[in-house]
Amino acid sequence: MGSAEGSASASSAEGATDTGRVLVVGEALVDVFPDEEGGPARASGRVPGGSPANMAVGLARLGVDVALLTHIGDDEDGRLVLDHLSSSGVDVVDGSVVPGRTSTAIARVDAAGVPAYEFDVAWELPPVGQIEIPPAVHMGSYSAFLEPGASRVAEIGERAQAQGALVSFDPNIRPALLPPLQQVQERFDQLAASASVLKISDEDAEWLFPDLSVDGVVEHVLALGTPLVVVTLGDDGAVLARPNGEVRVPRAQVDVVDTVGAGDSYMAALIQSLLAVTDEGVDARGRFASVDLERLGRYCAAAAGITVSRRGANLPSSADLEGVAELP
């Protein structure tokens, strides 16, 4: 990636379509942390956030050339988000900044460090016909389900699959923003079917498929044709599965400060790893037969462990992981 100044200028250039090595598609917003009497000790204020934006920052910190296709207003919050992305080495795809307000989420973190959110959002995307498909595309969070932008997210995923890109999907469920469950399940299946790798938390899996066990959800997603499925299990680690077998990998043994950004850290490390261990030019859906799932799981768990050991969505850099875990 270039300097922050270079990233900002590239993002604003008319007609720019550079999408780096990984294109992340999804929301960027501002998390608002109220100063609540009696609540856990943390600074109040406005902090750039949104799972896909965090993902893009996490990939950039891991040395991956990344661009974000999103929806940001041209207001003060939007400038805060853009400055954060630019300083982190993330390019913002032309057309992502639009007149109006930037989405916000009021974030309240409980005594166990688990956040809850109240959202005020807008989600659209510019026309996707001219978007360049890079070697990898990531989709996820409410932007994958909330119209009018969700249909364009699905279109990008299907185009990326057709071109043999590595397509990743993390539903990162936000129930308050979603349509009825059946519609969410249908869109989930559509996006999972176009994905090369899907990561989902056990909590999201339970919300999406209340009648299925974790193993049942894994079987369901594999049956859709997704070659690699990862279910994170909180304190119980994660299960990584493909059609020819699965492994269970424990979480990193660290003191948990809060869990904000843990899933985004895991996903960023997962994408970085799969780009590192697979050959470009080969259809992504056929790449994972020989990947060492246990080593992959340990690396991703280490990345998430660094994040939960410090406050906020402070995703690790490559330097943070040196001496802690090695790429598979």
C-alpha atoms as a PDB file:
ATOM      1  CA  MET A   1       0.000   0.000   0.000  1.00  0.00           C
ATOM      2  CA  GLY A   2       1.041   3.556  -0.471  1.00  0.00           C
ATOM      3  CA  SER A   3       1.189   6.320   2.071  1.00  0.00           C
ATOM      4  CA  ALA A   4      -1.942   7.705   3.673  1.00  0.00           C
ATOM      5  CA  GLU A   5      -1.735  10.724   1.386  1.00  0.00           C
ATOM      6  CA  GLY A   6      -1.434   8.472  -1.656  1.00  0.00           C
ATOM      7  CA  SER A   7      -4.383   6.356  -0.576  1.00  0.00           C
ATOM      8  CA  ALA A   8      -6.593   9.371  -0.125  1.00  0.00           C
ATOM      9  CA  SER A   9      -5.748  10.834  -3.505  1.00  0.00           C
ATOM     10  CA  ALA A  10      -6.261   7.522  -5.275  1.00  0.00           C
ATOM     11  CA  SER A  11      -9.646   7.119  -3.641  1.00  0.00           C
ATOM     12  CA  SER A  12     -10.900  10.468  -4.821  1.00  0.00           C
ATOM     13  CA  ALA A  13      -9.654  10.267  -8.382  1.00  0.00           C
ATOM     14  CA  GLU A  14     -12.566  10.345 -10.825  1.00  0.00           C
ATOM     15  CA  GLY A  15     -13.281   6.925 -12.277  1.00  0.00           C
ATOM     16  CA  ALA A  16     -10.804   5.143 -10.004  1.00  0.00           C
ATOM     17  CA  THR A  17     -11.547   1.415  -9.825  1.00  0.00           C
ATOM     18  CA  ASP A  18      -8.394   0.050  -8.189  1.00  0.00           C
ATOM     19  CA  THR A  19      -9.579  -2.638  -5.800  1.00  0.00           C
ATOM     20  CA  GLY A  20      -6.196  -3.876  -4.586  1.00  0.00           C
ATOM     21  CA  ARG A  21      -5.592  -7.552  -3.973  1.00  0.00           C
ATOM     22  CA  VAL A  22      -8.682  -7.813  -1.752  1.00  0.00           C
ATOM     23  CA  LEU A  23     -11.932  -5.928  -2.211  1.00  0.00           C
ATOM     24  CA  VAL A  24     -14.013  -5.632   0.958  1.00  0.00           C
ATOM     25  CA  VAL A  25     -17.667  -4.766   0.336  1.00  0.00           C
ATOM     26  CA  GLY A  26     -19.756  -3.473   3.221  1.00  0.00           C
ATOM     27  CA  GLU A  27     -20.512  -0.805   5.761  1.00  0.00           C
ATOM     28  CA  ALA A  28     -18.284   1.763   7.373  1.00  0.00           C
ATOM     29  CA  LEU A  29     -19.803   3.761  10.205  1.00  0.00           C
ATOM     30  CA  VAL A  30     -19.068   5.568  13.451  1.00  0.00           C
ATOM     31  CA  ASP A  31     -19.413   3.783  16.787  1.00  0.00           C
ATOM     32  CA  VAL A  32     -20.671   6.179  19.456  1.00  0.00           C
ATOM     33  CA  PHE A  33     -19.572   5.251  22.981  1.00  0.00           C
ATOM     34  CA  PRO A  34     -21.706   7.088  25.547  1.00  0.00           C
ATOM     35  CA  ASP A  35     -20.217   7.994  28.896  1.00  0.00           C
ATOM     36  CA  GLU A  36     -22.604   6.091  31.162  1.00  0.00           C
ATOM     37  CA  GLU A  37     -22.433   6.332  34.912  1.00  0.00           C
ATOM     38  CA  GLY A  38     -21.803   2.933  36.416  1.00  0.00           C
ATOM     39  CA  GLY A  39     -20.802   1.396  33.097  1.00  0.00           C
ATOM     40  CA  PRO A  40     -17.446  -0.229  32.325  1.00  0.00           C
ATOM     41  CA  ALA A  41     -14.505   2.137  32.267  1.00  0.00           C
ATOM     42  CA  ARG A  42     -13.847   3.293  28.716  1.00  0.00           C
ATOM     43  CA  ALA A  43     -13.530   6.622  26.996  1.00  0.00           C
ATOM     44  CA  SER A  44     -16.685   8.083  25.529  1.00  0.00           C
ATOM     45  CA  GLY A  45     -16.557   9.421  22.012  1.00  0.00           C
ATOM     46  CA  ARG A  46     -16.949   8.651  18.316  1.00  0.00           C
ATOM     47  CA  VAL A  47     -14.806   5.903  16.827  1.00  0.00           C
ATOM     48  CA  PRO A  48     -14.712   4.676  13.195  1.00  0.00           C
ATOM     49  CA  GLY A  49     -16.163   1.177  12.938  1.00  0.00           C
ATOM     50  CA  GLY A  50     -18.314  -1.260  11.019  1.00  0.00           C
ATOM     51  CA  SER A  51     -17.281  -4.885  10.594  1.00  0.00           C
ATOM     52  CA  PRO A  52     -16.278  -4.660   6.892  1.00  0.00           C
ATOM     53  CA  ALA A  53     -14.320  -1.438   7.514  1.00  0.00           C
ATOM     54  CA  ASN A  54     -12.582  -3.100  10.474  1.00  0.00           C
ATOM     55  CA  MET A  55     -11.835  -6.064   8.213  1.00  0.00           C
ATOM     56  CA  ALA A  56     -10.229  -3.803   5.616  1.00  0.00           C
ATOM     57  CA  VAL A  57      -8.081  -2.142   8.280  1.00  0.00           C
ATOM     58  CA  GLY A  58      -7.112  -5.542   9.660  1.00  0.00           C
ATOM     59  CA  LEU A  59      -6.021  -6.779   6.247  1.00  0.00           C
ATOM     60  CA  ALA A  60      -3.991  -3.617   5.627  1.00  0.00           C
ATOM     61  CA  ARG A  61      -2.251  -4.042   8.988  1.00  0.00           C
ATOM     62  CA  LEU A  62      -1.353  -7.577   7.934  1.00  0.00           C
ATOM     63  CA  GLY A  63       0.303  -6.200   4.802  1.00  0.00           C
ATOM     64  CA  VAL A  64      -2.471  -7.014   2.330  1.00  0.00           C
ATOM     65  CA  ASP A  65      -3.281  -4.537  -0.455  1.00  0.00           C
ATOM     66  CA  VAL A  66      -6.964  -3.811   0.227  1.00  0.00           C
ATOM     67  CA  ALA A  67      -9.760  -1.531  -0.941  1.00  0.00           C
ATOM     68  CA  LEU A  68     -13.175  -0.889   0.586  1.00  0.00           C
ATOM     69  CA  LEU A  69     -16.402  -0.388  -1.366  1.00  0.00           C
ATOM     70  CA  THR A  70     -18.827   1.218   1.066  1.00  0.00           C
ATOM     71  CA  HIS A  71     -21.364   3.984   1.727  1.00  0.00           C
ATOM     72  CA  ILE A  72     -20.072   7.023   3.650  1.00  0.00           C
ATOM     73  CA  GLY A  73     -21.719  10.431   3.987  1.00  0.00           C
ATOM     74  CA  ASP A  74     -19.899  13.664   3.244  1.00  0.00           C
ATOM     75  CA  ASP A  75     -20.377  14.874   6.838  1.00  0.00           C
ATOM     76  CA  GLU A  76     -18.011  15.201   9.793  1.00  0.00           C
ATOM     77  CA  ASP A  77     -18.438  11.535  10.721  1.00  0.00           C
ATOM     78  CA  GLY A  78     -17.637  10.582   7.139  1.00  0.00           C
ATOM     79  CA  ARG A  79     -14.416  12.564   7.255  1.00  0.00           C
ATOM     80  CA  LEU A  80     -13.523  10.809  10.513  1.00  0.00           C
ATOM     81  CA  VAL A  81     -14.018   7.417   8.846  1.00  0.00           C
ATOM     82  CA  LEU A  82     -12.084   8.384   5.713  1.00  0.00           C
ATOM     83  CA  ASP A  83      -9.143   9.710   7.738  1.00  0.00           C
ATOM     84  CA  HIS A  84      -9.043   6.456   9.713  1.00  0.00           C
ATOM     85  CA  LEU A  85      -9.134   4.290   6.580  1.00  0.00           C
ATOM     86  CA  SER A  86      -6.545   6.390   4.786  1.00  0.00           C
ATOM     87  CA  SER A  87      -4.131   6.442   7.727  1.00  0.00           C
ATOM     88  CA  SER A  88      -4.503   2.651   7.997  1.00  0.00           C
ATOM     89  CA  GLY A  89      -3.548   2.111   4.337  1.00  0.00           C
ATOM     90  CA  VAL A  90      -7.031   1.259   3.032  1.00  0.00           C
ATOM     91  CA  ASP A  91      -8.115   2.631  -0.351  1.00  0.00           C
ATOM     92  CA  VAL A  92     -11.771   3.657  -0.629  1.00  0.00           C
ATOM     93  CA  VAL A  93     -13.353   2.800  -3.975  1.00  0.00           C
ATOM     94  CA  ASP A  94     -14.580   5.769  -5.988  1.00  0.00           C
ATOM     95  CA  GLY A  95     -18.301   6.388  -5.500  1.00  0.00           C
ATOM     96  CA  SER A  96     -18.337   5.271  -1.867  1.00  0.00           C
ATOM     97  CA  VAL A  97     -18.709   8.829  -0.526  1.00  0.00           C
ATOM     98  CA  VAL A  98     -22.176  10.276  -1.104  1.00  0.00           C
ATOM     99  CA  PRO A  99     -24.060  13.393  -0.013  1.00  0.00           C
ATOM    100  CA  GLY A 100     -25.726  13.025   3.377  1.00  0.00           C
ATOM    101  CA  ARG A 101     -25.066  11.477   6.741  1.00  0.00           C
ATOM    102  CA  THR A 102     -22.764   8.672   7.782  1.00  0.00           C
ATOM    103  CA  SER A 103     -24.271   5.673   9.574  1.00  0.00           C
ATOM    104  CA  THR A 104     -23.783   5.404  13.338  1.00  0.00           C
ATOM    105  CA  ALA A 105     -24.037   2.734  16.012  1.00  0.00           C
ATOM    106  CA  ILE A 106     -24.387   3.502  19.709  1.00  0.00           C
ATOM    107  CA  ALA A 107     -22.158   0.898  21.336  1.00  0.00           C
ATOM    108  CA  ARG A 108     -22.638  -0.157  24.945  1.00  0.00           C
ATOM    109  CA  VAL A 109     -20.139  -2.640  26.356  1.00  0.00           C
ATOM    110  CA  ASP A 110     -21.192  -4.745  29.329  1.00  0.00           C
ATOM    111  CA  ALA A 111     -19.077  -5.754  32.305  1.00  0.00           C
ATOM    112  CA  ALA A 112     -17.884  -8.872  30.442  1.00  0.00           C
ATOM    113  CA  GLY A 113     -16.611  -6.754  27.549  1.00  0.00           C
ATOM    114  CA  VAL A 114     -19.380  -7.785  25.143  1.00  0.00           C
ATOM    115  CA  PRO A 115     -20.835  -4.955  23.024  1.00  0.00           C
ATOM    116  CA  ALA A 116     -24.471  -4.268  22.143  1.00  0.00           C
ATOM    117  CA  TYR A 117     -25.417  -1.799  19.406  1.00  0.00           C
ATOM    118  CA  GLU A 118     -28.246   0.568  18.492  1.00  0.00           C
ATOM    119  CA  PHE A 119     -28.010   1.476  14.798  1.00  0.00           C
ATOM    120  CA  ASP A 120     -28.928   4.471  12.666  1.00  0.00           C
ATOM    121  CA  VAL A 121     -27.885   3.411   9.186  1.00  0.00           C
ATOM    122  CA  ALA A 122     -28.218   3.987   5.468  1.00  0.00           C
ATOM    123  CA  TRP A 123     -26.921   1.375   3.046  1.00  0.00           C
ATOM    124  CA  GLU A 124     -26.644   1.724  -0.721  1.00  0.00           C
ATOM    125  CA  LEU A 125     -23.919   1.012  -3.236  1.00  0.00           C
ATOM    126  CA  PRO A 126     -22.887   2.661  -6.484  1.00  0.00           C
ATOM    127  CA  PRO A 127     -23.519   0.651  -9.682  1.00  0.00           C
ATOM    128  CA  VAL A 128     -21.213  -2.351  -9.656  1.00  0.00           C
ATOM    129  CA  GLY A 129     -20.782  -2.929 -13.378  1.00  0.00           C
ATOM    130  CA  GLN A 130     -17.423  -1.140 -13.545  1.00  0.00           C
ATOM    131  CA  ILE A 131     -15.989  -2.529 -10.305  1.00  0.00           C
ATOM    132  CA  GLU A 132     -12.826  -4.490 -10.949  1.00  0.00           C
ATOM    133  CA  ILE A 133     -12.814  -7.969  -9.395  1.00  0.00           C
ATOM    134  CA  PRO A 134      -9.445  -8.604  -7.683  1.00  0.00           C
ATOM    135  CA  PRO A 135      -8.033 -11.976  -6.530  1.00  0.00           C
ATOM    136  CA  ALA A 136     -10.196 -11.908  -3.385  1.00  0.00           C
ATOM    137  CA  VAL A 137     -13.549 -10.376  -2.386  1.00  0.00           C
ATOM    138  CA  HIS A 138     -15.013 -10.220   1.122  1.00  0.00           C
ATOM    139  CA  MET A 139     -18.714  -9.681   1.935  1.00  0.00           C
ATOM    140  CA  GLY A 140     -20.444  -9.503   5.252  1.00  0.00           C
ATOM    141  CA  SER A 141     -22.427  -7.985   8.098  1.00  0.00           C
ATOM    142  CA  TYR A 142     -25.753  -6.168   7.699  1.00  0.00           C
ATOM    143  CA  SER A 143     -24.675  -4.803   4.316  1.00  0.00           C
ATOM    144  CA  ALA A 144     -25.145  -8.315   2.927  1.00  0.00           C
ATOM    145  CA  PHE A 145     -28.823  -8.335   3.957  1.00  0.00           C
ATOM    146  CA  LEU A 146     -30.064  -4.726   4.040  1.00  0.00           C
ATOM    147  CA  GLU A 147     -31.547  -3.362   0.827  1.00  0.00           C
ATOM    148  CA  PRO A 148     -31.087  -1.562  -1.463  1.00  0.00           C
ATOM    149  CA  GLY A 149     -27.360  -2.297  -1.206  1.00  0.00           C
ATOM    150  CA  ALA A 150     -27.612  -6.017  -0.423  1.00  0.00           C
ATOM    151  CA  SER A 151     -28.608  -7.032  -3.956  1.00  0.00           C
ATOM    152  CA  ARG A 152     -25.482  -5.347  -5.309  1.00  0.00           C
ATOM    153  CA  VAL A 153     -23.344  -7.122  -2.705  1.00  0.00           C
ATOM    154  CA  ALA A 154     -24.763 -10.439  -3.933  1.00  0.00           C
ATOM    155  CA  GLU A 155     -24.072  -9.453  -7.538  1.00  0.00           C
ATOM    156  CA  ILE A 156     -20.437  -8.703  -6.743  1.00  0.00           C
ATOM    157  CA  GLY A 157     -20.083 -12.044  -4.964  1.00  0.00           C
ATOM    158  CA  GLU A 158     -21.509 -13.956  -7.909  1.00  0.00           C
ATOM    159  CA  ARG A 159     -19.284 -12.103 -10.373  1.00  0.00           C
ATOM    160  CA  ALA A 160     -16.249 -12.821  -8.211  1.00  0.00           C
ATOM    161  CA  GLN A 161     -17.127 -16.514  -8.003  1.00  0.00           C
ATOM    162  CA  ALA A 162     -17.576 -16.701 -11.778  1.00  0.00           C
ATOM    163  CA  GLN A 163     -14.111 -15.189 -12.238  1.00  0.00           C
ATOM    164  CA  GLY A 164     -12.460 -17.689  -9.882  1.00  0.00           C
ATOM    165  CA  ALA A 165     -11.714 -15.196  -7.106  1.00  0.00           C
ATOM    166  CA  LEU A 166     -11.415 -16.167  -3.468  1.00  0.00           C
ATOM    167  CA  VAL A 167     -14.796 -15.076  -2.050  1.00  0.00           C
ATOM    168  CA  SER A 168     -15.239 -14.852   1.718  1.00  0.00           C
ATOM    169  CA  PHE A 169     -18.435 -14.262   3.665  1.00  0.00           C
ATOM    170  CA  ASP A 170     -19.098 -13.490   7.339  1.00  0.00           C
ATOM    171  CA  PRO A 171     -22.791 -12.784   8.089  1.00  0.00           C
ATOM    172  CA  ASN A 172     -21.996 -11.027  11.406  1.00  0.00           C
ATOM    173  CA  ILE A 173     -25.702 -10.905  12.265  1.00  0.00           C
ATOM    174  CA  ARG A 174     -27.293  -7.678  13.530  1.00  0.00           C
ATOM    175  CA  PRO A 175     -30.924  -8.760  14.166  1.00  0.00           C
ATOM    176  CA  ALA A 176     -32.329  -5.256  14.666  1.00  0.00           C
ATOM    177  CA  LEU A 177     -31.394  -4.321  11.090  1.00  0.00           C
ATOM    178  CA  LEU A 178     -32.520  -7.439   9.280  1.00  0.00           C
ATOM    179  CA  PRO A 179     -35.676  -8.490   7.408  1.00  0.00           C
ATOM    180  CA  PRO A 180     -37.720 -11.533   8.530  1.00  0.00           C
ATOM    181  CA  LEU A 181     -35.711 -14.668   9.271  1.00  0.00           C
ATOM    182  CA  GLN A 182     -36.786 -16.588   6.172  1.00  0.00           C
ATOM    183  CA  GLN A 183     -35.558 -13.796   3.925  1.00  0.00           C
ATOM    184  CA  VAL A 184     -32.267 -13.665   5.809  1.00  0.00           C
ATOM    185  CA  GLN A 185     -31.857 -17.431   5.473  1.00  0.00           C
ATOM    186  CA  GLU A 186     -32.499 -17.261   1.732  1.00  0.00           C
ATOM    187  CA  ARG A 187     -29.944 -14.484   1.237  1.00  0.00           C
ATOM    188  CA  PHE A 188     -27.481 -16.297   3.490  1.00  0.00           C
ATOM    189  CA  ASP A 189     -27.745 -19.428   1.352  1.00  0.00           C
ATOM    190  CA  GLN A 190     -27.295 -17.381  -1.827  1.00  0.00           C
ATOM    191  CA  LEU A 191     -24.139 -15.705  -0.548  1.00  0.00           C
ATOM    192  CA  ALA A 192     -22.744 -18.873   1.027  1.00  0.00           C
ATOM    193  CA  ALA A 193     -23.184 -20.706  -2.279  1.00  0.00           C
ATOM    194  CA  SER A 194     -20.973 -18.129  -4.006  1.00  0.00           C
ATOM    195  CA  ALA A 195     -18.340 -18.147  -1.248  1.00  0.00           C
ATOM    196  CA  SER A 196     -15.038 -19.996  -1.176  1.00  0.00           C
ATOM    197  CA  VAL A 197     -14.859 -19.659   2.606  1.00  0.00           C
ATOM    198  CA  LEU A 198     -17.525 -18.793   5.166  1.00  0.00           C
ATOM    199  CA  LYS A 199     -16.912 -17.813   8.787  1.00  0.00           C
ATOM    200  CA  ILE A 200     -19.774 -17.618  11.253  1.00  0.00           C
ATOM    201  CA  SER A 201     -19.971 -17.348  15.032  1.00  0.00           C
ATOM    202  CA  ASP A 202     -21.910 -19.936  16.997  1.00  0.00           C
ATOM    203  CA  GLU A 203     -24.263 -17.165  18.183  1.00  0.00           C
ATOM    204  CA  ASP A 204     -24.989 -16.079  14.609  1.00  0.00           C
ATOM    205  CA  ALA A 205     -25.451 -19.705  13.551  1.00  0.00           C
ATOM    206  CA  GLU A 206     -27.978 -20.248  16.352  1.00  0.00           C
ATOM    207  CA  TRP A 207     -29.916 -17.116  15.360  1.00  0.00           C
ATOM    208  CA  LEU A 208     -29.950 -18.047  11.678  1.00  0.00           C
ATOM    209  CA  PHE A 209     -30.716 -21.747  12.113  1.00  0.00           C
ATOM    210  CA  PRO A 210     -32.307 -22.247  15.555  1.00  0.00           C
ATOM    211  CA  ASP A 211     -33.187 -25.871  14.787  1.00  0.00           C
ATOM    212  CA  LEU A 212     -29.638 -26.892  13.815  1.00  0.00           C
ATOM    213  CA  SER A 213     -26.604 -27.756  15.920  1.00  0.00           C
ATOM    214  CA  VAL A 214     -23.185 -26.338  15.036  1.00  0.00           C
ATOM    215  CA  ASP A 215     -22.441 -29.571  13.173  1.00  0.00           C
ATOM    216  CA  GLY A 216     -25.766 -29.222  11.376  1.00  0.00           C
ATOM    217  CA  VAL A 217     -24.937 -25.693  10.256  1.00  0.00           C
ATOM    218  CA  VAL A 218     -21.541 -26.879   8.996  1.00  0.00           C
ATOM    219  CA  GLU A 219     -23.205 -29.668   7.021  1.00  0.00           C
ATOM    220  CA  HIS A 220     -25.780 -27.239   5.619  1.00  0.00           C
ATOM    221  CA  VAL A 221     -23.153 -24.793   4.365  1.00  0.00           C
ATOM    222  CA  LEU A 222     -20.907 -27.503   2.929  1.00  0.00           C
ATOM    223  CA  ALA A 223     -23.939 -28.883   1.080  1.00  0.00           C
ATOM    224  CA  LEU A 224     -24.373 -25.467  -0.556  1.00  0.00           C
ATOM    225  CA  GLY A 225     -20.958 -25.989  -2.161  1.00  0.00           C
ATOM    226  CA  THR A 226     -18.850 -23.790   0.122  1.00  0.00           C
ATOM    227  CA  PRO A 227     -15.416 -25.503   0.240  1.00  0.00           C
ATOM    228  CA  LEU A 228     -14.321 -24.223   3.671  1.00  0.00           C
ATOM    229  CA  VAL A 229     -16.524 -23.420   6.680  1.00  0.00           C
ATOM    230  CA  VAL A 230     -15.325 -21.934   9.966  1.00  0.00           C
ATOM    231  CA  VAL A 231     -17.528 -21.646  13.061  1.00  0.00           C
ATOM    232  CA  THR A 232     -16.071 -19.654  15.946  1.00  0.00           C
ATOM    233  CA  LEU A 233     -17.181 -20.923  19.360  1.00  0.00           C
ATOM    234  CA  GLY A 234     -16.056 -18.188  21.769  1.00  0.00           C
ATOM    235  CA  ASP A 235     -14.177 -19.715  24.703  1.00  0.00           C
ATOM    236  CA  ASP A 236     -14.377 -23.115  23.005  1.00  0.00           C
ATOM    237  CA  GLY A 237     -12.241 -22.050  20.050  1.00  0.00           C
ATOM    238  CA  ALA A 238     -13.377 -22.812  16.512  1.00  0.00           C
ATOM    239  CA  VAL A 239     -14.239 -25.640  14.154  1.00  0.00           C
ATOM    240  CA  LEU A 240     -12.780 -25.546  10.636  1.00  0.00           C
ATOM    241  CA  ALA A 241     -14.421 -27.909   8.171  1.00  0.00           C
ATOM    242  CA  ARG A 242     -14.293 -28.963   4.536  1.00  0.00           C
ATOM    243  CA  PRO A 243     -15.917 -31.903   2.762  1.00  0.00           C
ATOM    244  CA  ASN A 244     -13.056 -34.284   3.590  1.00  0.00           C
ATOM    245  CA  GLY A 245     -12.891 -33.548   7.326  1.00  0.00           C
ATOM    246  CA  GLU A 246     -12.726 -31.013  10.125  1.00  0.00           C
ATOM    247  CA  VAL A 247     -10.593 -29.913  13.051  1.00  0.00           C
ATOM    248  CA  ARG A 248     -11.321 -28.104  16.309  1.00  0.00           C
ATOM    249  CA  VAL A 249      -8.793 -25.509  17.426  1.00  0.00           C
ATOM    250  CA  PRO A 250      -8.801 -23.912  20.910  1.00  0.00           C
ATOM    251  CA  ARG A 251      -8.863 -20.165  21.396  1.00  0.00           C
ATOM    252  CA  ALA A 252      -5.708 -18.274  22.296  1.00  0.00           C
ATOM    253  CA  GLN A 253      -5.128 -18.281  26.049  1.00  0.00           C
ATOM    254  CA  VAL A 254      -5.148 -14.564  26.852  1.00  0.00           C
ATOM    255  CA  ASP A 255      -6.824 -12.296  29.386  1.00  0.00           C
ATOM    256  CA  VAL A 256      -9.930 -10.879  27.690  1.00  0.00           C
ATOM    257  CA  VAL A 257     -10.408  -7.100  27.959  1.00  0.00           C
ATOM    258  CA  ASP A 258     -13.326  -6.950  25.514  1.00  0.00           C
ATOM    259  CA  THR A 259     -14.430  -8.881  22.448  1.00  0.00           C
ATOM    260  CA  VAL A 260     -14.931  -5.922  20.096  1.00  0.00           C
ATOM    261  CA  GLY A 261     -13.344  -6.738  16.732  1.00  0.00           C
ATOM    262  CA  ALA A 262     -12.419 -10.329  17.588  1.00  0.00           C
ATOM    263  CA  GLY A 263     -14.369 -11.830  14.690  1.00  0.00           C
ATOM    264  CA  ASP A 264     -12.991  -9.243  12.269  1.00  0.00           C
ATOM    265  CA  SER A 265      -9.440 -10.071  13.373  1.00  0.00           C
ATOM    266  CA  TYR A 266     -10.098 -13.773  12.849  1.00  0.00           C
ATOM    267  CA  MET A 267     -11.564 -13.151   9.395  1.00  0.00           C
ATOM    268  CA  ALA A 268      -8.729 -10.859   8.289  1.00  0.00           C
ATOM    269  CA  ALA A 269      -6.151 -13.434   9.341  1.00  0.00           C
ATOM    270  CA  LEU A 270      -8.137 -16.150   7.581  1.00  0.00           C
ATOM    271  CA  ILE A 271      -8.148 -14.261   4.281  1.00  0.00           C
ATOM    272  CA  GLN A 272      -4.472 -13.341   4.604  1.00  0.00           C
ATOM    273  CA  SER A 273      -3.608 -16.994   5.263  1.00  0.00           C
ATOM    274  CA  LEU A 274      -5.624 -18.378   2.369  1.00  0.00           C
ATOM    275  CA  LEU A 275      -4.093 -15.879  -0.037  1.00  0.00           C
ATOM    276  CA  ALA A 276      -0.653 -16.916   1.210  1.00  0.00           C
ATOM    277  CA  VAL A 277      -1.135 -20.683   0.959  1.00  0.00           C
ATOM    278  CA  THR A 278      -3.073 -20.981  -2.285  1.00  0.00           C
ATOM    279  CA  ASP A 279      -2.130 -20.290  -5.883  1.00  0.00           C
ATOM    280  CA  GLU A 280      -3.769 -17.433  -7.726  1.00  0.00           C
ATOM    281  CA  GLY A 281      -4.973 -18.371 -11.165  1.00  0.00           C
ATOM    282  CA  VAL A 282      -6.609 -21.524  -9.795  1.00  0.00           C
ATOM    283  CA  ASP A 283     -10.355 -21.339  -9.167  1.00  0.00           C
ATOM    284  CA  ALA A 284     -10.624 -20.468  -5.474  1.00  0.00           C
ATOM    285  CA  ARG A 285     -13.281 -23.097  -4.799  1.00  0.00           C
ATOM    286  CA  GLY A 286     -10.757 -25.833  -5.575  1.00  0.00           C
ATOM    287  CA  ARG A 287      -7.857 -24.446  -3.568  1.00  0.00           C
ATOM    288  CA  PHE A 288      -8.340 -25.741  -0.066  1.00  0.00           C
ATOM    289  CA  ALA A 289      -7.944 -29.520  -0.232  1.00  0.00           C
ATOM    290  CA  SER A 290      -4.374 -29.484   1.100  1.00  0.00           C
ATOM    291  CA  VAL A 291      -4.508 -26.525   3.494  1.00  0.00           C
ATOM    292  CA  ASP A 292      -3.401 -27.451   7.028  1.00  0.00           C
ATOM    293  CA  LEU A 293      -6.591 -26.561   8.887  1.00  0.00           C
ATOM    294  CA  GLU A 294      -5.068 -26.859  12.348  1.00  0.00           C
ATOM    295  CA  ARG A 295      -2.229 -24.424  11.567  1.00  0.00           C
ATOM    296  CA  LEU A 296      -4.729 -22.130   9.854  1.00  0.00           C
ATOM    297  CA  GLY A 297      -6.969 -22.168  12.929  1.00  0.00           C
ATOM    298  CA  ARG A 298      -4.075 -21.497  15.314  1.00  0.00           C
ATOM    299  CA  TYR A 299      -2.943 -18.477  13.320  1.00  0.00           C
ATOM    300  CA  CYS A 300      -6.423 -16.976  13.171  1.00  0.00           C
ATOM    301  CA  ALA A 301      -6.990 -17.663  16.885  1.00  0.00           C
ATOM    302  CA  ALA A 302      -3.744 -15.859  17.700  1.00  0.00           C
ATOM    303  CA  ALA A 303      -4.864 -12.793  15.733  1.00  0.00           C
ATOM    304  CA  ALA A 304      -8.229 -12.725  17.514  1.00  0.00           C
ATOM    305  CA  GLY A 305      -6.481 -13.269  20.836  1.00  0.00           C
ATOM    306  CA  ILE A 306      -4.386 -10.147  20.396  1.00  0.00           C
ATOM    307  CA  THR A 307      -7.517  -8.112  19.713  1.00  0.00           C
ATOM    308  CA  VAL A 308      -9.490  -9.326  22.727  1.00  0.00           C
ATOM    309  CA  SER A 309      -6.510  -8.681  24.992  1.00  0.00           C
ATOM    310  CA  ARG A 310      -6.715  -4.938  24.333  1.00  0.00           C
ATOM    311  CA  ARG A 311      -9.549  -2.461  24.344  1.00  0.00           C
ATOM    312  CA  GLY A 312     -11.684  -1.845  21.262  1.00  0.00           C
ATOM    313  CA  ALA A 313     -11.379  -3.056  17.676  1.00  0.00           C
ATOM    314  CA  ASN A 314      -7.590  -2.722  17.719  1.00  0.00           C
ATOM    315  CA  LEU A 315      -6.702  -5.362  15.157  1.00  0.00           C
ATOM    316  CA  PRO A 316      -3.152  -6.776  15.069  1.00  0.00           C
ATOM    317  CA  SER A 317      -0.401  -5.984  12.600  1.00  0.00           C
ATOM    318  CA  SER A 318       2.059  -8.442  11.125  1.00  0.00           C
ATOM    319  CA  ALA A 319       4.577  -7.196  13.692  1.00  0.00           C
ATOM    320  CA  ASP A 320       2.146  -8.028  16.519  1.00  0.00           C
ATOM    321  CA  LEU A 321       1.953 -11.619  15.304  1.00  0.00           C
ATOM    322  CA  GLU A 322       5.713 -12.110  14.963  1.00  0.00           C
ATOM    323  CA  GLY A 323       6.826 -14.652  17.524  1.00  0.00           C
ATOM    324  CA  VAL A 324       3.193 -15.393  18.410  1.00  0.00           C
ATOM    325  CA  ALA A 325       2.019 -17.357  15.363  1.00  0.00           C
ATOM    326  CA  GLU A 326       3.213 -18.168  11.871  1.00  0.00           C
ATOM    327  CA  LEU A 327       1.269 -18.216   8.653  1.00  0.00           C
ATOM    328  CA  PRO A 328       0.217 -21.737   7.663  1.00  0.00           C
END
